Amino acid sequence: MKKDLQTKFSNRQYMLSKDFELYYYADSVTYTLKPHSHDYYEFYFFLEGDVSICICDKLYKLKQWDFILVPPNTEHYPVIHDMKYPYRRFVLWISVDYCNKLLSESESYVYIMKHVLDIKKYVFSNDSIEFNSISSRLFRLLEEIKGNRFGKEVGINLEFKSFILYLNRLVYERNSIKSKYSEEKLYIALCDYISEHLTEDLSLDKLSEEFYVSKSYISHEFKDNIGLSLHQYIIKKRLNASKAGILSDLPISKVYEQYGFSDYSCYFRAFKKEYGLSPNEYRNMYKKRYPLN
């Protein structure tokens, strides 16, 4: 029966319906798509294949059971790595006008759209149980769309709203569980995370993705509670941690690499500004004060 629900792939990138369109593709890839954008939301539910998706010049390697949400006017395109593998996916298009109509009924229908627009997180990973529930709901919706049962329009409306609410609940509840700290304690969570990941990427983009809050919210929350900008705090933490590297056998010219600094000259200037000594002067002072027996 699922074969009857398949759609032959088309390069068309505009909607025929004023509300939403759903497609189930299962094919061998013999085509390419150029970078493009459109004026509607595109949900992409990945079932099978060797595929990445490029969104805003960033490439995301897709794993089985991932789904993607691409907002309107966002450039994207798929990258097929190996055409010998079957390529299966659902594609759901939802118009902005229909999203606004859903919003007028309840914000619960559009939580995920606002979430993606806010933090620019486009790819959502799922386990097999979650994705089985997603795919079974999509197949039920397709059966209503392609069928001709009594009350078809009502059935389509009910199945669609049930599905989109399920998806919003899934992401909302996942975000709520991941946010282990209340808003007034977000800065504590940030400080703990920074201490545990000093040598890794601590950009606002990364922290926004990790904590599921906007970059501006993180900046204000941190400044208000710590009294320093996020960047200043991270530099101070890295400089303090690097003193252990200076006192080790590691060449000073290599210490900066171990503690998250982009280059030695930046590290040297920051260290001298913070402590009034160069890294080498700090090492020599320590050795004079605490000579080895």
Protein backbone atom coordinates (compact mmCIF):
# COMPACT_ATOMS: atom_id res chain seq x y z
CA MET A 1 0.00 0.00 0.00
CA LYS A 2 2.88 2.40 0.74
CA LYS A 3 3.93 2.13 -2.91
CA ASP A 4 0.53 3.56 -3.85
CA LEU A 5 1.31 6.58 -1.66
CA GLN A 6 4.57 7.43 -3.45
CA THR A 7 4.94 10.54 -5.60
CA LYS A 8 7.14 10.80 -8.64
CA PHE A 9 9.78 13.43 -7.91
CA SER A 10 9.43 16.85 -9.52
CA ASN A 11 11.79 19.84 -9.44
CA ARG A 12 8.81 22.12 -8.80
CA GLN A 13 9.57 24.53 -5.95
CA TYR A 14 6.21 26.27 -5.58
CA MET A 15 2.99 25.22 -3.91
CA LEU A 16 -0.23 24.33 -5.73
CA SER A 17 -2.28 24.28 -2.52
CA LYS A 18 -2.89 27.36 -0.39
CA ASP A 19 -2.47 25.39 2.86
CA PHE A 20 -0.06 22.43 2.75
CA GLU A 21 1.26 19.65 0.51
CA LEU A 22 2.72 16.28 1.53
CA TYR A 23 4.86 13.95 -0.60
CA TYR A 24 6.44 10.56 -0.05
CA TYR A 25 9.45 9.95 -2.29
CA ALA A 26 11.21 6.59 -2.66
CA ASP A 27 13.51 6.58 -5.67
CA SER A 28 17.00 6.18 -7.08
CA VAL A 29 18.52 9.60 -7.55
CA THR A 30 19.25 10.63 -11.13
CA TYR A 31 18.89 14.37 -10.64
CA THR A 32 20.43 17.31 -8.79
CA LEU A 33 18.87 20.35 -7.19
CA LYS A 34 20.55 23.73 -7.24
CA PRO A 35 20.57 26.05 -4.20
CA HIS A 36 17.10 27.50 -3.85
CA SER A 37 14.62 28.97 -1.40
CA HIS A 38 10.85 29.34 -1.33
CA ASP A 39 8.14 31.32 0.41
CA TYR A 40 6.79 28.48 2.56
CA TYR A 41 7.99 26.19 5.37
CA GLU A 42 9.50 22.88 4.26
CA PHE A 43 9.63 19.88 6.60
CA TYR A 44 11.87 17.07 5.41
CA PHE A 45 11.70 13.66 7.13
CA PHE A 46 14.68 11.47 6.24
CA LEU A 47 14.11 7.72 5.97
CA GLU A 48 17.00 6.34 3.94
CA GLY A 49 19.94 7.34 1.72
CA ASP A 50 23.46 8.75 1.69
CA VAL A 51 22.56 12.41 1.80
CA SER A 52 23.52 15.74 3.34
CA ILE A 53 21.58 18.96 3.24
CA CYS A 54 23.17 22.37 2.89
CA ILE A 55 21.32 25.18 4.66
CA CYS A 56 22.69 28.72 4.60
CA ASP A 57 26.08 27.41 3.39
CA LYS A 58 26.38 24.90 6.26
CA LEU A 59 26.38 21.20 5.39
CA TYR A 60 24.50 18.76 7.62
CA LYS A 61 25.10 15.01 7.15
CA LEU A 62 21.75 13.34 7.63
CA LYS A 63 21.23 10.32 9.85
CA GLN A 64 18.31 7.94 9.64
CA TRP A 65 15.26 9.35 11.49
CA ASP A 66 16.41 12.99 11.28
CA PHE A 67 13.93 15.63 10.29
CA ILE A 68 14.65 19.13 9.03
CA LEU A 69 12.66 22.33 9.01
CA VAL A 70 13.67 24.95 6.45
CA PRO A 71 11.95 28.33 7.01
CA PRO A 72 10.78 30.56 4.15
CA ASN A 73 13.43 32.44 2.16
CA THR A 74 16.23 30.21 3.47
CA GLU A 75 18.63 28.91 0.83
CA HIS A 76 19.17 25.16 0.87
CA TYR A 77 19.75 22.10 -1.31
CA PRO A 78 20.40 18.36 -0.88
CA VAL A 79 23.81 16.80 -1.57
CA ILE A 80 23.66 13.17 -2.72
CA HIS A 81 26.89 11.40 -1.78
CA ASP A 82 26.21 8.01 -3.34
CA MET A 83 23.41 7.49 -5.86
CA LYS A 84 23.41 3.70 -5.54
CA TYR A 85 21.53 3.86 -2.24
CA PRO A 86 17.72 4.20 -2.20
CA TYR A 87 16.62 7.69 -1.26
CA ARG A 88 13.43 7.81 0.82
CA ARG A 89 11.90 10.81 2.54
CA PHE A 90 8.70 12.67 3.29
CA VAL A 91 8.45 16.32 2.27
CA LEU A 92 5.80 18.55 3.82
CA TRP A 93 5.22 22.11 2.62
CA ILE A 94 3.16 24.55 4.72
CA SER A 95 2.28 28.03 3.55
CA VAL A 96 2.94 31.08 5.73
CA ASP A 97 -0.74 32.05 5.49
CA TYR A 98 -1.80 28.65 6.81
CA CYS A 99 0.72 28.89 9.65
CA ASN A 100 -0.80 32.24 10.58
CA LYS A 101 -4.25 30.65 10.51
CA LEU A 102 -3.02 27.88 12.82
CA LEU A 103 -1.44 30.49 15.09
CA SER A 104 -4.80 32.23 15.40
CA GLU A 105 -6.18 28.95 16.77
CA SER A 106 -3.27 28.10 19.08
CA GLU A 107 0.45 28.88 19.45
CA SER A 108 0.92 25.16 20.10
CA TYR A 109 0.66 24.53 16.36
CA VAL A 110 3.62 26.76 15.45
CA TYR A 111 6.06 26.39 18.37
CA ILE A 112 8.62 24.60 16.22
CA MET A 113 8.46 27.25 13.46
CA LYS A 114 9.18 30.02 15.97
CA HIS A 115 11.89 27.91 17.59
CA VAL A 116 13.74 27.40 14.31
CA LEU A 117 13.45 31.06 13.32
CA ASP A 118 14.77 32.09 16.73
CA ILE A 119 17.84 29.88 17.16
CA LYS A 120 18.49 28.77 13.56
CA LYS A 121 18.54 25.06 14.48
CA TYR A 122 17.26 23.24 11.43
CA VAL A 123 18.03 19.54 12.02
CA PHE A 124 16.34 17.40 14.70
CA SER A 125 17.53 13.90 15.56
CA ASN A 126 15.12 11.20 16.74
CA ASP A 127 15.20 7.64 17.92
CA SER A 128 13.42 4.85 16.06
CA ILE A 129 10.33 4.95 18.31
CA GLU A 130 9.81 8.68 17.86
CA PHE A 131 10.32 8.47 14.12
CA ASN A 132 8.04 5.46 13.74
CA SER A 133 5.29 7.55 15.31
CA ILE A 134 6.09 10.43 12.94
CA SER A 135 6.09 8.24 9.82
CA SER A 136 2.90 6.34 10.76
CA ARG A 137 1.08 9.66 11.22
CA LEU A 138 2.38 10.91 7.87
CA PHE A 139 1.21 7.74 6.12
CA ARG A 140 -2.25 8.13 7.68
CA LEU A 141 -2.38 11.71 6.43
CA LEU A 142 -1.31 10.61 2.94
CA GLU A 143 -4.00 7.91 2.93
CA GLU A 144 -6.61 10.57 3.66
CA ILE A 145 -5.24 12.89 0.97
CA LYS A 146 -5.06 10.20 -1.73
CA GLY A 147 -8.22 8.37 -0.68
CA ASN A 148 -11.84 9.18 -1.31
CA ARG A 149 -13.57 8.23 1.92
CA PHE A 150 -16.63 9.95 3.30
CA GLY A 151 -15.66 13.13 5.14
CA LYS A 152 -12.33 13.37 3.31
CA GLU A 153 -11.73 17.08 3.95
CA VAL A 154 -12.58 16.72 7.64
CA GLY A 155 -10.31 13.67 7.88
CA ILE A 156 -7.41 15.52 6.24
CA ASN A 157 -7.85 18.47 8.58
CA LEU A 158 -7.95 16.25 11.67
CA GLU A 159 -4.96 14.14 10.62
CA PHE A 160 -2.87 17.19 9.74
CA LYS A 161 -3.57 19.03 12.98
CA SER A 162 -2.97 15.88 14.99
CA PHE A 163 0.37 15.40 13.26
CA ILE A 164 1.59 18.99 13.53
CA LEU A 165 0.60 19.12 17.21
CA TYR A 166 2.48 15.87 17.83
CA LEU A 167 5.61 17.30 16.19
CA ASN A 168 5.42 20.52 18.21
CA ARG A 169 4.91 18.59 21.43
CA LEU A 170 7.88 16.38 20.64
CA VAL A 171 10.25 19.32 20.22
CA TYR A 172 8.77 21.36 23.06
CA GLU A 173 8.98 18.52 25.58
CA ARG A 174 12.49 17.63 24.45
CA ASN A 175 13.59 21.23 24.94
CA SER A 176 11.95 21.38 28.35
CA ILE A 177 13.74 18.25 29.50
CA LYS A 178 17.09 19.46 28.17
CA SER A 179 16.71 22.79 29.98
CA LYS A 180 17.59 21.35 33.39
CA TYR A 181 17.81 24.77 34.95
CA SER A 182 15.15 27.42 35.40
CA GLU A 183 15.60 30.71 33.54
CA GLU A 184 16.92 32.55 36.58
CA LYS A 185 19.69 29.94 36.86
CA LEU A 186 20.64 29.77 33.20
CA TYR A 187 23.89 31.61 33.87
CA ILE A 188 24.90 28.86 36.33
CA ALA A 189 24.36 26.24 33.66
CA LEU A 190 26.38 28.34 31.23
CA CYS A 191 29.26 28.68 33.69
CA ASP A 192 29.29 24.93 34.33
CA TYR A 193 29.22 24.17 30.62
CA ILE A 194 32.06 26.64 29.89
CA SER A 195 34.24 25.11 32.63
CA GLU A 196 33.71 21.63 31.20
CA HIS A 197 34.32 22.62 27.56
CA LEU A 198 37.03 25.30 27.77
CA THR A 199 39.02 23.94 24.82
CA GLU A 200 35.97 23.54 22.57
CA ASP A 201 33.79 25.87 20.53
CA LEU A 202 32.09 28.28 22.95
CA SER A 203 30.61 30.66 20.42
CA LEU A 204 27.19 32.16 20.95
CA ASP A 205 25.92 30.02 18.08
CA LYS A 206 27.11 26.86 19.83
CA LEU A 207 25.72 27.83 23.24
CA SER A 208 22.40 28.87 21.71
CA GLU A 209 22.13 25.45 20.06
CA GLU A 210 23.16 23.64 23.25
CA PHE A 211 20.74 25.44 25.59
CA TYR A 212 17.87 26.04 23.14
CA VAL A 213 17.64 29.78 23.84
CA SER A 214 18.42 32.77 21.64
CA LYS A 215 21.88 34.32 21.41
CA SER A 216 20.63 37.69 22.63
CA TYR A 217 18.98 36.06 25.65
CA ILE A 218 22.24 34.31 26.60
CA SER A 219 24.20 37.57 26.26
CA HIS A 220 21.81 39.56 28.45
CA GLU A 221 21.38 36.79 31.01
CA PHE A 222 25.14 36.41 31.38
CA LYS A 223 25.93 40.12 31.57
CA ASP A 224 23.16 40.78 34.10
CA ASN A 225 24.23 37.99 36.47
CA ILE A 226 28.02 37.81 36.04
CA GLY A 227 28.81 41.45 35.30
CA LEU A 228 31.03 40.48 32.37
CA SER A 229 30.29 39.79 28.76
CA LEU A 230 30.28 36.15 27.77
CA HIS A 231 33.47 36.68 25.75
CA GLN A 232 35.29 38.33 28.67
CA TYR A 233 34.32 35.53 31.03
CA ILE A 234 35.49 32.80 28.65
CA ILE A 235 38.84 34.56 28.11
CA LYS A 236 39.40 34.86 31.87
CA LYS A 237 38.56 31.19 32.43
CA ARG A 238 40.87 30.07 29.61
CA LEU A 239 43.72 32.29 30.80
CA ASN A 240 43.45 30.96 34.34
CA ALA A 241 43.38 27.36 33.12
CA SER A 242 46.38 27.98 30.83
CA LYS A 243 48.64 28.72 33.81
CA ALA A 244 48.83 24.98 34.45
CA GLY A 245 50.06 24.52 30.89
CA ILE A 246 52.70 27.22 31.32
CA LEU A 247 54.08 25.44 34.39
CA SER A 248 54.21 22.11 32.59
CA ASP A 249 56.86 20.93 30.14
CA LEU A 250 54.75 22.11 27.20
CA PRO A 251 56.47 24.83 25.10
CA ILE A 252 54.82 28.16 25.84
CA SER A 253 54.34 28.78 22.14
CA LYS A 254 52.06 25.69 22.12
CA VAL A 255 50.10 26.39 25.29
CA TYR A 256 47.51 28.56 23.56
CA GLU A 257 46.41 25.65 21.36
CA GLN A 258 45.58 23.58 24.43
CA TYR A 259 43.30 26.23 25.93
CA GLY A 260 41.11 27.40 23.08
CA PHE A 261 42.97 30.47 21.79
CA SER A 262 43.10 31.08 18.06
CA ASP A 263 46.74 32.18 17.87
CA TYR A 264 49.74 32.83 20.12
CA SER A 265 49.85 36.61 19.71
CA CYS A 266 46.25 36.97 20.92
CA TYR A 267 46.97 34.67 23.83
CA PHE A 268 50.19 36.55 24.72
CA ARG A 269 48.46 39.95 24.76
CA ALA A 270 45.48 38.69 26.76
CA PHE A 271 47.70 36.99 29.35
CA LYS A 272 49.90 40.06 29.86
CA LYS A 273 46.87 42.33 30.13
CA GLU A 274 45.26 40.04 32.72
CA TYR A 275 48.31 39.30 34.90
CA GLY A 276 50.84 42.04 34.10
CA LEU A 277 53.36 39.40 33.03
CA SER A 278 54.09 37.54 29.84
CA PRO A 279 53.58 33.75 29.94
CA ASN A 280 57.36 33.24 30.01
CA GLU A 281 57.80 35.79 32.83
CA TYR A 282 55.08 34.00 34.79
CA ARG A 283 56.86 30.67 34.39
CA ASN A 284 60.23 32.13 35.49
CA MET A 285 58.69 33.89 38.48
CA TYR A 286 57.01 30.68 39.60
CA LYS A 287 60.25 28.69 39.29
CA LYS A 288 62.15 31.24 41.37
CA ARG A 289 59.46 31.28 44.03
CA TYR A 290 59.03 27.50 44.14
CA PRO A 291 62.34 25.97 43.04
CA LEU A 292 62.48 22.20 42.66
CA ASN A 293 64.45 20.36 45.29
